[in-house]
Structure formats: C-alpha cells, structure tokens
Amino acid sequence: MSITQKQKRHLKGLVHHLKPVVIVGQNGLNEGVFGELECALLSHELIKVRVNAGDREERQALLDAIGTRTGAQLIHAIGHVAAFYRRNPDAPRITLPAD
C-alpha cells in the first residue's frame, strides 16, 4: 500500500505527541526487537522507534531493515527517532484521508 503525501502529513500530525514504543539498542536488530515491532504495529499501527546507532548511515540501514522485515512504511525520521505505519487489516484504528 502506497501512502500519499497528504496521508503522510496526517500521520506526522498524529505521531508527533507519541513516545517511542520500541528502542533499538547497541545490539542492533534481533528477533526480540522484531517481535516487539510486530506487536506494536498490530496494536497501534503508527509507532515511534528510537534507534541508538552510531552514525547516520548505520541508522538508515537499521530503519531500512525494519521497514523491509515488518512491511511498515517509514513516515519520517529525525535524528535517532523514526515513525512507522502499517495498517492492521483485521482491525484498522487509523483512518487516512482520501487523496
């Protein structure tokens, strides 16, 4: 599912006040982190993730891996914090604006 710019702006407004629900530490991505990401995306659809990585390239690689493995779309990333969205097909919680 592709998200339009209008929908991204809407999601950015919703995610602004949220706190990170998953923190990727020094050990990087492992099965436990992916399990927490799946659980958080199923229950919230829109989440913030804090990535404690050394440099920008390493953070971007971790964010790309999260998006690829979970099927979530990266909404935005600022510094060490990124927002991901994945619609729950069984029980959608967030209504996106039409184009």
Protein backbone atom coordinates (compact mmCIF):
# COMPACT_ATOMS: atom_id res chain seq x y z
CA MET A 1 0.00 0.00 0.00
CA SER A 2 1.40 3.34 -1.03
CA ILE A 3 0.87 6.39 1.16
CA THR A 4 0.36 9.80 -0.46
CA GLN A 5 2.00 12.99 0.76
CA LYS A 6 -1.33 14.18 2.17
CA GLN A 7 -1.65 10.97 4.18
CA LYS A 8 1.96 11.29 5.39
CA ARG A 9 1.26 14.81 6.66
CA HIS A 10 -1.79 13.49 8.50
CA LEU A 11 0.24 10.66 10.08
CA LYS A 12 3.04 13.06 11.08
CA GLY A 13 0.49 15.12 12.96
CA LEU A 14 -0.78 12.03 14.76
CA VAL A 15 2.66 10.67 15.66
CA HIS A 16 4.06 13.97 16.92
CA HIS A 17 2.89 13.58 20.53
CA LEU A 18 3.70 9.85 20.81
CA LYS A 19 6.68 8.49 22.70
CA PRO A 20 8.92 5.76 21.22
CA VAL A 21 7.47 2.32 21.96
CA VAL A 22 10.45 0.31 20.70
CA ILE A 23 14.11 1.14 21.31
CA VAL A 24 16.85 -0.46 19.23
CA GLY A 25 19.92 -0.63 21.43
CA GLN A 26 23.58 -1.32 20.94
CA ASN A 27 22.93 -4.94 19.99
CA GLY A 28 21.01 -3.83 16.91
CA LEU A 29 18.11 -5.73 15.45
CA ASN A 30 17.41 -9.22 16.71
CA GLU A 31 14.37 -11.50 16.89
CA GLY A 32 13.22 -9.96 20.17
CA VAL A 33 13.19 -6.47 18.69
CA PHE A 34 11.30 -7.65 15.60
CA GLY A 35 8.78 -9.40 17.85
CA GLU A 36 8.16 -6.16 19.75
CA LEU A 37 7.86 -4.23 16.49
CA GLU A 38 5.25 -6.68 15.17
CA CYS A 39 3.27 -6.50 18.40
CA ALA A 40 3.39 -2.69 18.48
CA LEU A 41 2.39 -2.33 14.83
CA LEU A 42 -0.53 -4.72 15.24
CA SER A 43 -1.90 -2.92 18.25
CA HIS A 44 -1.09 0.72 17.36
CA GLU A 45 -0.50 0.83 13.55
CA LEU A 46 1.51 4.05 13.98
CA ILE A 47 4.60 3.88 16.18
CA LYS A 48 7.80 5.70 17.01
CA VAL A 49 11.08 3.80 17.18
CA ARG A 50 14.27 5.08 18.77
CA VAL A 51 17.46 3.81 17.12
CA ASN A 52 20.61 4.19 19.21
CA ALA A 53 23.12 3.71 16.42
CA GLY A 54 26.43 5.45 15.94
CA ASP A 55 26.20 7.31 12.65
CA ARG A 56 23.60 8.35 10.10
CA GLU A 57 24.36 5.57 7.60
CA GLU A 58 24.06 2.89 10.26
CA ARG A 59 20.74 4.33 11.48
CA GLN A 60 19.39 4.45 7.93
CA ALA A 61 20.42 0.83 7.35
CA LEU A 62 18.57 -0.22 10.51
CA LEU A 63 15.47 1.76 9.52
CA ASP A 64 15.51 0.18 6.05
CA ALA A 65 15.80 -3.27 7.64
CA ILE A 66 12.84 -2.54 9.94
CA GLY A 67 10.70 -1.41 7.01
CA THR A 68 11.64 -4.39 4.87
CA ARG A 69 11.16 -7.02 7.55
CA THR A 70 7.92 -5.67 9.05
CA GLY A 71 6.30 -4.34 5.89
CA ALA A 72 5.80 -0.96 7.59
CA GLN A 73 6.34 2.33 5.82
CA LEU A 74 8.75 4.89 7.17
CA ILE A 75 6.78 8.10 7.69
CA HIS A 76 9.69 10.26 8.81
CA ALA A 77 12.96 10.13 10.69
CA ILE A 78 14.52 12.92 12.70
CA GLY A 79 17.78 12.22 14.48
CA HIS A 80 17.50 8.96 16.38
CA VAL A 81 13.69 8.74 16.25
CA ALA A 82 11.64 7.38 13.34
CA ALA A 83 7.92 6.84 12.77
CA PHE A 84 6.50 3.76 11.04
CA TYR A 85 2.97 3.00 9.85
CA ARG A 86 1.42 -0.32 8.90
CA ARG A 87 -2.34 -0.72 8.58
CA ASN A 88 -3.87 -3.58 10.53
CA PRO A 89 -6.12 -5.34 8.00
CA ASP A 90 -8.24 -7.05 10.69
CA ALA A 91 -8.93 -4.05 12.93
CA PRO A 92 -7.86 -0.69 11.42
CA ARG A 93 -7.51 2.03 14.05
CA ILE A 94 -6.42 4.99 11.94
CA THR A 95 -8.48 6.44 9.12
CA LEU A 96 -6.33 8.01 6.43
CA PRO A 97 -7.66 10.97 4.43
CA ALA A 98 -8.59 10.34 0.81
CA ASP A 99 -6.35 11.75 -1.91
